[in-house]
Protein backbone atom coordinates (compact mmCIF):
# COMPACT_ATOMS: atom_id res chain seq x y z
CA MET A 1 60.26 38.74 131.00
CA SER A 2 57.84 41.20 132.37
CA ILE A 3 60.93 43.71 132.83
CA THR A 4 63.29 44.83 129.75
CA ILE A 5 65.95 47.11 129.52
CA ILE A 6 66.58 48.44 125.78
CA LYS A 7 70.09 49.66 125.18
CA ASN A 8 71.60 51.89 122.74
CA ALA A 9 68.73 52.73 120.42
CA ASP A 10 68.49 55.17 117.90
CA LEU A 11 65.48 56.47 119.28
CA TYR A 12 62.78 58.25 116.70
CA ALA A 13 59.53 59.03 118.60
CA PRO A 14 58.48 59.48 115.87
CA GLU A 15 61.17 62.01 116.19
CA SER A 16 64.77 61.73 115.89
CA LEU A 17 66.01 61.76 119.62
CA GLY A 18 69.34 60.12 119.17
CA LEU A 19 70.89 57.27 121.67
CA ASN A 20 68.62 56.28 124.19
CA ASN A 21 68.00 53.67 126.73
CA LEU A 22 64.44 52.48 127.74
CA LEU A 23 63.03 50.56 130.87
CA ILE A 24 60.02 48.50 129.64
CA CYS A 25 57.76 47.09 132.83
CA HIS A 26 55.02 44.97 132.12
CA ASP A 27 53.41 46.59 129.04
CA LYS A 28 54.36 50.05 129.57
CA ILE A 29 57.26 52.26 128.93
CA THR A 30 58.55 53.48 132.32
CA SER A 31 61.97 55.21 131.49
CA ILE A 32 63.94 56.98 128.61
CA SER A 33 67.08 57.98 129.40
CA LYS A 34 70.49 59.08 127.68
CA GLU A 35 72.14 57.44 130.91
CA SER A 36 72.74 54.03 131.19
CA ILE A 37 69.72 51.96 133.15
CA GLU A 38 70.70 49.20 135.49
CA LEU A 39 68.54 47.18 137.93
CA PRO A 40 70.30 44.89 140.18
CA SER A 41 70.65 41.46 139.45
CA SER A 42 67.96 40.31 142.12
CA ILE A 43 65.24 41.91 140.01
CA GLU A 44 64.53 39.24 137.04
CA HIS A 45 65.05 41.08 133.56
CA GLU A 46 66.01 40.87 130.15
CA VAL A 47 68.79 43.37 128.68
CA ILE A 48 68.74 44.04 124.65
CA ASP A 49 71.44 46.08 123.05
CA LEU A 50 70.30 47.22 119.61
CA ALA A 51 73.92 48.71 118.85
CA GLY A 52 72.19 51.76 117.15
CA ASP A 53 69.30 50.28 115.28
CA LYS A 54 66.59 52.32 114.77
CA LEU A 55 63.71 52.05 117.62
CA VAL A 56 60.55 53.41 116.33
CA PRO A 57 56.77 53.20 117.63
CA GLY A 58 54.76 50.43 116.58
CA PHE A 59 52.62 51.14 113.61
CA ILE A 60 48.73 51.47 114.01
CA ASP A 61 46.76 50.33 110.88
CA ALA A 62 43.23 51.89 111.06
CA HIS A 63 41.90 50.12 108.21
CA ALA A 64 42.01 46.18 108.20
CA HIS A 65 39.93 43.40 107.54
CA ILE A 66 40.37 41.49 110.43
CA THR A 67 38.09 38.63 109.85
CA GLY A 68 38.73 38.75 106.27
CA GLY A 69 37.13 40.72 103.40
CA GLY A 70 36.52 39.76 99.64
CA GLY A 71 33.88 37.78 98.35
CA GLU A 72 33.34 40.26 95.37
CA ALA A 73 33.43 37.45 92.96
CA GLY A 74 31.15 34.75 94.73
CA PHE A 75 31.56 33.19 97.96
CA ALA A 76 35.06 31.37 97.16
CA THR A 77 36.88 34.56 97.18
CA GLN A 78 36.16 35.41 101.05
CA VAL A 79 39.26 36.02 102.66
CA PRO A 80 40.05 33.95 105.76
CA VAL A 81 40.36 35.37 109.11
CA LEU A 82 43.88 36.85 109.46
CA PRO A 83 46.34 35.69 112.27
CA ILE A 84 47.84 37.98 114.68
CA SER A 85 51.35 37.60 112.72
CA GLU A 86 49.97 38.66 109.45
CA PHE A 87 49.94 42.40 111.69
CA THR A 88 52.84 42.00 114.06
CA SER A 89 55.50 40.29 111.52
CA ALA A 90 54.99 43.82 109.65
CA GLY A 91 55.32 45.94 112.83
CA VAL A 92 51.73 46.51 113.22
CA THR A 93 50.92 46.14 116.81
CA THR A 94 47.56 48.16 116.98
CA VAL A 95 44.86 47.50 114.43
CA VAL A 96 41.57 48.84 113.60
CA GLY A 97 39.09 46.37 111.91
CA LEU A 98 35.97 46.80 109.67
CA LEU A 99 33.15 45.36 107.80
CA GLY A 100 33.22 45.94 103.79
CA THR A 101 31.10 45.31 100.86
CA ASP A 102 30.18 42.00 102.51
CA ASP A 103 28.30 43.08 105.51
CA THR A 104 25.81 40.56 104.89
CA THR A 105 27.59 37.18 105.89
CA ARG A 106 30.13 38.92 108.11
CA SER A 107 28.52 40.47 111.10
CA MET A 108 29.63 42.87 114.04
CA GLU A 109 29.26 40.30 116.36
CA ASN A 110 32.02 38.19 114.45
CA LEU A 111 33.97 41.42 113.88
CA ILE A 112 34.13 42.38 117.57
CA SER A 113 34.94 38.86 118.54
CA ARG A 114 37.98 38.89 116.43
CA VAL A 115 38.99 41.93 118.36
CA TYR A 116 38.77 40.19 121.57
CA GLY A 117 40.78 37.26 119.78
CA LEU A 118 43.71 39.39 118.74
CA ARG A 119 43.77 41.05 122.17
CA GLU A 120 44.13 37.70 124.22
CA GLU A 121 46.78 36.62 121.52
CA GLY A 122 48.87 40.20 122.70
CA MET A 123 47.99 42.99 120.39
CA SER A 124 45.90 46.06 120.25
CA ALA A 125 42.93 45.88 118.69
CA TYR A 126 39.75 48.13 117.96
CA CYS A 127 36.92 48.46 115.31
CA TRP A 128 34.63 50.40 113.24
CA SER A 129 30.95 49.69 113.61
CA GLY A 130 28.84 49.34 110.29
CA GLY A 131 30.27 48.46 106.77
CA TYR A 132 29.52 49.70 103.36
CA HIS A 133 25.52 50.25 103.98
CA TYR A 134 22.96 52.40 105.45
CA PRO A 135 21.76 51.60 107.98
CA PRO A 136 25.15 50.41 109.27
CA ARG A 137 25.37 47.13 110.57
CA SER A 138 25.58 47.16 114.44
CA LEU A 139 25.77 44.94 117.38
CA MET A 140 23.18 46.97 119.17
CA GLU A 141 20.11 48.92 117.58
CA THR A 142 22.37 51.57 116.28
CA ALA A 143 26.02 52.11 115.63
CA LYS A 144 25.71 54.86 117.99
CA GLN A 145 25.13 52.49 120.84
CA ASP A 146 27.88 50.39 119.96
CA MET A 147 30.15 52.96 120.25
CA VAL A 148 28.83 54.26 123.64
CA PHE A 149 28.46 50.74 125.33
CA VAL A 150 30.89 48.41 123.47
CA GLU A 151 34.48 49.56 124.53
CA PRO A 152 36.59 48.49 121.30
CA VAL A 153 34.32 50.40 118.78
CA ILE A 154 35.47 53.78 117.99
CA GLY A 155 33.44 55.16 115.35
CA ILE A 156 31.58 54.07 112.17
CA GLY A 157 32.80 52.58 109.08
CA GLU A 158 33.97 51.89 106.25
CA PHE A 159 31.08 53.82 105.35
CA ALA A 160 31.08 53.80 101.47
CA ILE A 161 30.31 56.88 99.10
CA SER A 162 30.78 57.33 95.45
CA ASP A 163 31.07 53.76 94.65
CA HIS A 164 28.48 51.41 92.95
CA ARG A 165 28.70 48.80 95.61
CA SER A 166 27.26 51.80 98.22
CA SER A 167 23.59 51.89 99.28
CA GLN A 168 23.91 55.24 97.31
CA PRO A 169 23.08 57.53 101.06
CA SER A 170 21.54 60.69 100.54
CA TYR A 171 23.17 63.58 102.01
CA GLU A 172 20.68 63.73 105.18
CA GLU A 173 21.86 60.08 105.68
CA VAL A 174 25.56 61.11 105.89
CA ILE A 175 25.30 64.03 108.15
CA ARG A 176 22.75 61.94 110.36
CA LEU A 177 25.66 59.44 110.82
CA ALA A 178 28.21 61.75 111.31
CA SER A 179 26.24 63.50 113.93
CA GLU A 180 25.89 60.25 116.01
CA ALA A 181 29.40 59.54 115.43
CA HIS A 182 30.35 63.09 116.64
CA VAL A 183 27.76 62.97 119.50
CA ALA A 184 29.10 59.33 120.71
CA GLY A 185 32.51 60.34 120.86
CA LEU A 186 31.95 63.39 123.10
CA MET A 187 30.35 61.09 125.45
CA THR A 188 32.93 58.72 125.37
CA GLY A 189 36.32 60.08 124.47
CA LYS A 190 36.66 58.18 121.73
CA ALA A 191 37.50 59.06 118.07
CA GLY A 192 33.81 59.61 117.23
CA ILE A 193 34.50 59.94 113.44
CA VAL A 194 32.92 58.27 110.23
CA HIS A 195 35.64 56.48 108.10
CA PHE A 196 34.25 56.88 104.54
CA HIS A 197 35.24 54.44 101.86
CA LEU A 198 35.73 56.14 98.54
CA GLY A 199 34.87 54.41 95.45
CA ASP A 200 35.57 55.81 91.73
CA GLY A 201 32.25 57.50 91.32
CA GLU A 202 31.66 60.91 89.80
CA ARG A 203 30.51 62.39 93.01
CA LYS A 204 33.98 62.19 94.52
CA LEU A 205 33.70 63.75 97.82
CA GLU A 206 31.03 66.21 97.45
CA LEU A 207 28.97 64.97 100.20
CA LEU A 208 31.77 65.59 102.50
CA GLU A 209 32.81 68.75 101.28
CA ARG A 210 28.99 69.90 101.50
CA ALA A 211 28.65 68.81 104.98
CA ILE A 212 31.80 70.58 106.28
CA LYS A 213 30.70 73.67 104.52
CA GLU A 214 26.94 73.32 105.90
CA THR A 215 26.82 71.76 109.07
CA GLU A 216 28.42 72.45 112.58
CA ILE A 217 30.17 69.15 112.51
CA PRO A 218 33.67 69.36 113.29
CA ALA A 219 35.78 68.40 109.84
CA ARG A 220 37.82 65.86 111.74
CA VAL A 221 34.69 63.81 111.88
CA PHE A 222 34.76 63.38 108.21
CA ASN A 223 37.28 60.77 107.35
CA ALA A 224 37.93 59.83 104.02
CA THR A 225 39.82 56.58 102.99
CA HIS A 226 41.31 55.15 99.68
CA VAL A 227 41.55 58.88 98.37
CA ASN A 228 44.40 57.99 96.39
CA ARG A 229 42.73 55.16 94.37
CA ASN A 230 42.29 57.93 91.13
CA LYS A 231 44.17 61.10 90.53
CA ALA A 232 41.16 63.33 90.32
CA LEU A 233 39.72 61.92 93.66
CA PHE A 234 43.15 62.82 95.28
CA ASP A 235 42.98 66.33 93.93
CA HIS A 236 39.50 66.52 95.90
CA ALA A 237 40.96 64.68 99.01
CA CYS A 238 43.60 67.77 99.13
CA GLU A 239 40.78 70.21 99.08
CA LEU A 240 39.25 68.44 101.66
CA ASN A 241 42.40 68.29 104.01
CA LYS A 242 42.41 71.84 103.53
CA LEU A 243 38.87 72.05 105.08
CA GLY A 244 40.52 70.76 108.22
CA ALA A 245 39.67 66.88 107.46
CA TYR A 246 41.98 64.04 108.01
CA ILE A 247 42.78 62.01 104.87
CA ASP A 248 43.66 58.21 104.58
CA ILE A 249 45.92 57.48 101.80
CA THR A 250 45.89 53.54 101.19
CA ALA A 251 49.02 51.69 100.63
CA PHE A 252 47.91 49.90 97.37
CA PRO A 253 50.25 46.95 96.24
CA GLU A 254 52.59 47.97 93.12
CA SER A 255 50.26 45.70 90.92
CA PHE A 256 47.13 47.69 91.82
CA ASN A 257 45.95 51.01 91.48
CA LYS A 258 46.60 52.17 87.54
CA HIS A 259 44.60 54.91 87.50
CA GLY A 260 45.71 56.62 90.84
CA TYR A 261 48.79 57.33 93.13
CA HIS A 262 50.68 54.57 95.33
CA ALA A 263 51.11 55.73 98.51
CA TYR A 264 54.46 57.24 98.42
CA GLN A 265 53.48 59.27 95.47
CA ALA A 266 50.33 60.59 97.10
CA ILE A 267 53.02 61.92 100.24
CA GLU A 268 54.98 63.55 97.62
CA LEU A 269 52.26 65.53 96.42
CA ALA A 270 50.92 66.51 99.49
CA VAL A 271 54.23 67.83 100.38
CA LYS A 272 54.24 69.84 97.43
CA ARG A 273 51.05 71.24 97.58
CA ASP A 274 51.79 72.23 101.36
CA LEU A 275 48.96 70.00 102.99
CA SER A 276 48.44 69.82 106.26
CA LEU A 277 50.66 66.65 106.91
CA ASN A 278 49.71 66.05 110.54
CA GLN A 279 46.34 65.33 109.14
CA ILE A 280 47.19 62.57 106.80
CA THR A 281 47.60 58.62 107.59
CA ILE A 282 48.18 55.61 105.29
CA SER A 283 46.65 52.08 106.18
CA SER A 284 47.09 48.90 104.64
CA ASP A 285 43.31 47.46 103.76
CA GLY A 286 44.78 44.36 104.88
CA GLY A 287 42.65 41.43 104.18
CA GLY A 288 40.43 43.15 102.04
CA CYS A 289 39.97 42.72 98.42
CA LEU A 290 41.53 45.50 96.04
CA PRO A 291 39.01 44.74 93.05
CA GLU A 292 39.23 46.58 89.56
CA PHE A 293 35.99 47.00 87.85
CA ASP A 294 34.73 47.99 84.65
CA ALA A 295 32.37 50.66 83.52
CA CYS A 296 29.59 48.47 84.22
CA GLY A 297 30.68 46.99 87.50
CA LYS A 298 31.87 43.75 86.23
CA LEU A 299 35.09 42.32 88.02
CA GLU A 300 38.24 42.46 85.82
CA HIS A 301 41.09 41.96 88.41
CA MET A 302 41.42 41.38 92.10
CA ALA A 303 44.26 41.57 94.63
CA PHE A 304 44.54 41.78 98.51
CA GLY A 305 45.97 43.90 100.95
CA LYS A 306 48.31 43.06 103.23
CA ALA A 307 49.93 44.77 106.24
CA GLN A 308 53.37 44.22 105.15
CA ILE A 309 52.99 46.87 102.79
CA LEU A 310 53.18 49.52 105.67
CA PRO A 311 57.06 48.86 106.11
CA ASP A 312 57.38 48.65 102.43
CA THR A 313 55.66 51.90 101.72
CA LEU A 314 58.03 53.53 104.67
CA ALA A 315 61.12 52.39 102.66
CA SER A 316 59.74 53.75 99.75
CA LEU A 317 59.02 56.99 101.35
CA ILE A 318 62.81 56.95 102.50
CA ARG A 319 64.12 55.99 99.20
CA GLU A 320 62.07 59.16 97.93
CA GLY A 321 64.23 61.46 100.12
CA HIS A 322 61.77 62.03 102.74
CA SER A 323 63.00 61.72 106.71
CA LEU A 324 61.97 58.66 108.63
CA SER A 325 60.28 60.95 111.30
CA LEU A 326 58.01 62.24 108.68
CA ALA A 327 57.41 58.86 107.16
CA LEU A 328 56.63 57.29 110.26
CA SER A 329 54.08 59.93 111.11
CA PHE A 330 51.86 58.75 108.83
CA ILE A 331 51.63 55.28 110.15
CA THR A 332 52.00 55.92 114.08
CA SER A 333 51.48 59.64 115.63
CA ASN A 334 48.73 60.83 113.32
CA VAL A 335 46.91 58.15 113.33
CA ALA A 336 47.06 58.21 117.05
CA GLU A 337 46.09 61.64 117.22
CA LEU A 338 43.14 61.10 114.92
CA LEU A 339 41.99 57.95 116.75
CA LYS A 340 42.56 59.41 120.35
CA PHE A 341 44.92 56.81 121.42
CA SER A 342 46.56 58.86 123.86
CA HIS A 343 48.56 55.61 124.80
CA LYS A 344 50.07 55.01 121.16
CA GLY A 345 51.82 56.06 118.23
CA ARG A 346 54.68 57.63 119.98
CA ILE A 347 57.65 56.43 122.36
CA GLU A 348 57.27 58.33 125.58
CA LYS A 349 57.08 57.48 129.04
CA ASN A 350 54.20 55.88 130.26
CA ARG A 351 52.72 54.97 126.82
CA ASP A 352 52.27 51.37 125.52
CA ALA A 353 55.36 49.76 124.98
CA ASP A 354 54.63 48.90 121.40
CA LEU A 355 57.90 49.17 119.54
CA VAL A 356 59.36 48.54 116.20
CA VAL A 357 63.05 48.09 115.58
CA LEU A 358 64.05 48.72 111.72
CA ASP A 359 67.19 47.28 109.95
CA ALA A 360 69.14 48.67 107.33
CA ASN A 361 66.74 48.53 104.77
CA TYR A 362 64.00 49.88 106.86
CA GLN A 363 62.39 46.42 107.16
CA VAL A 364 61.04 45.28 110.65
CA LYS A 365 63.79 43.38 112.76
CA HIS A 366 62.05 43.13 116.36
CA VAL A 367 58.49 43.62 117.23
CA MET A 368 57.41 44.36 120.58
CA ALA A 369 53.87 44.79 121.40
CA LEU A 370 52.38 45.59 125.12
CA GLY A 371 55.81 44.71 126.50
CA LYS A 372 56.43 41.49 124.77
CA TRP A 373 58.60 40.49 121.88
CA HIS A 374 56.54 38.91 118.91
CA LYS A 375 59.49 39.10 116.47
CA ARG A 376 63.02 38.59 117.23
CA ASP A 377 65.86 38.67 114.55
CA GLY A 378 63.29 38.50 111.71
CA GLU A 379 61.65 35.51 113.17
CA MET A 380 58.21 35.19 114.75
CA SER A 381 57.86 34.10 118.51
CA ILE A 382 54.51 34.47 118.90
CA LYS A 383 52.47 33.59 115.73
CA GLY A 384 48.70 33.01 116.95
CA THR A 385 46.78 30.10 118.20
CA PHE A 386 46.26 28.33 114.80
CA ALA A 387 49.23 29.69 112.59
């Protein structure tokens, strides 16, 4: 159906708005009303009565290895390409793909083609240009040109610092990349940021702290991820947040991250430390490897990220006493604001019809992406071409 009426939705936009009715036309929200919405029978449409179920914005995952990550324990450990249902089953309706450690056998050509593939299958997809290393892997001559001329490319990332797998970039290289991302963002209206991978190195966030204090580049350009991987790093990330930067918390699985904080724990600390909560996001690292190395760089253990960790983290935040509105902001409105997705992240008239219905346990019951149902009553209706 290209026209859908959703009735009796307990609406979180992500702010709580109480019971509402929505009219969806094609891929947009065209009306939100407390009053009943009726159409004549001559107009073909579908009516869904949620009977008070919670309706929330589709999740935005700004850090996922859509072409597969891994490869850090040999070629056999490369993660396969992720199907669209890996994301939509978990309520993710918008994803930003990236390259990681392996920006050698995996390319920007491969990444961008997968972005287009996910779009063809029905979800919104974008990507970062580059990978761990300097100079960043790009489709055109530079990552800046990728941002300017290739529509899905919104910034540079994930560029590694404080990690033995990085190219050990200098301060000058870091601020050069940040400058190019910022200017390309101004030219195009895109996010224009550098998405920095943080490892367990002793330098932590020193390069970014120095860049914010010593240059004219806005703090929002320096976007650090995996900041909860160890406790000392998170302390530094809190200071970075106070300088005006957005920080991205990785929703690590329970079996991983013995030396850091799980996402719900990091949020609890952020609240207690009075951080700017609207400048905090949570991502899944879906498809990426989650390795643990010893002091000599030898791999000791490896896990892999999954998009399902996002609704699981949402449920954990609720159990810890946080409001649903606050918990949602880290995977919806905050991400949209950082990435300049003016049509995403909120349930508002004229925004994209990216919607998730949650059950009583805050798990994903229904998913609509761009006006089409991908999941109904827990069952996938759109699984992907090869699923």
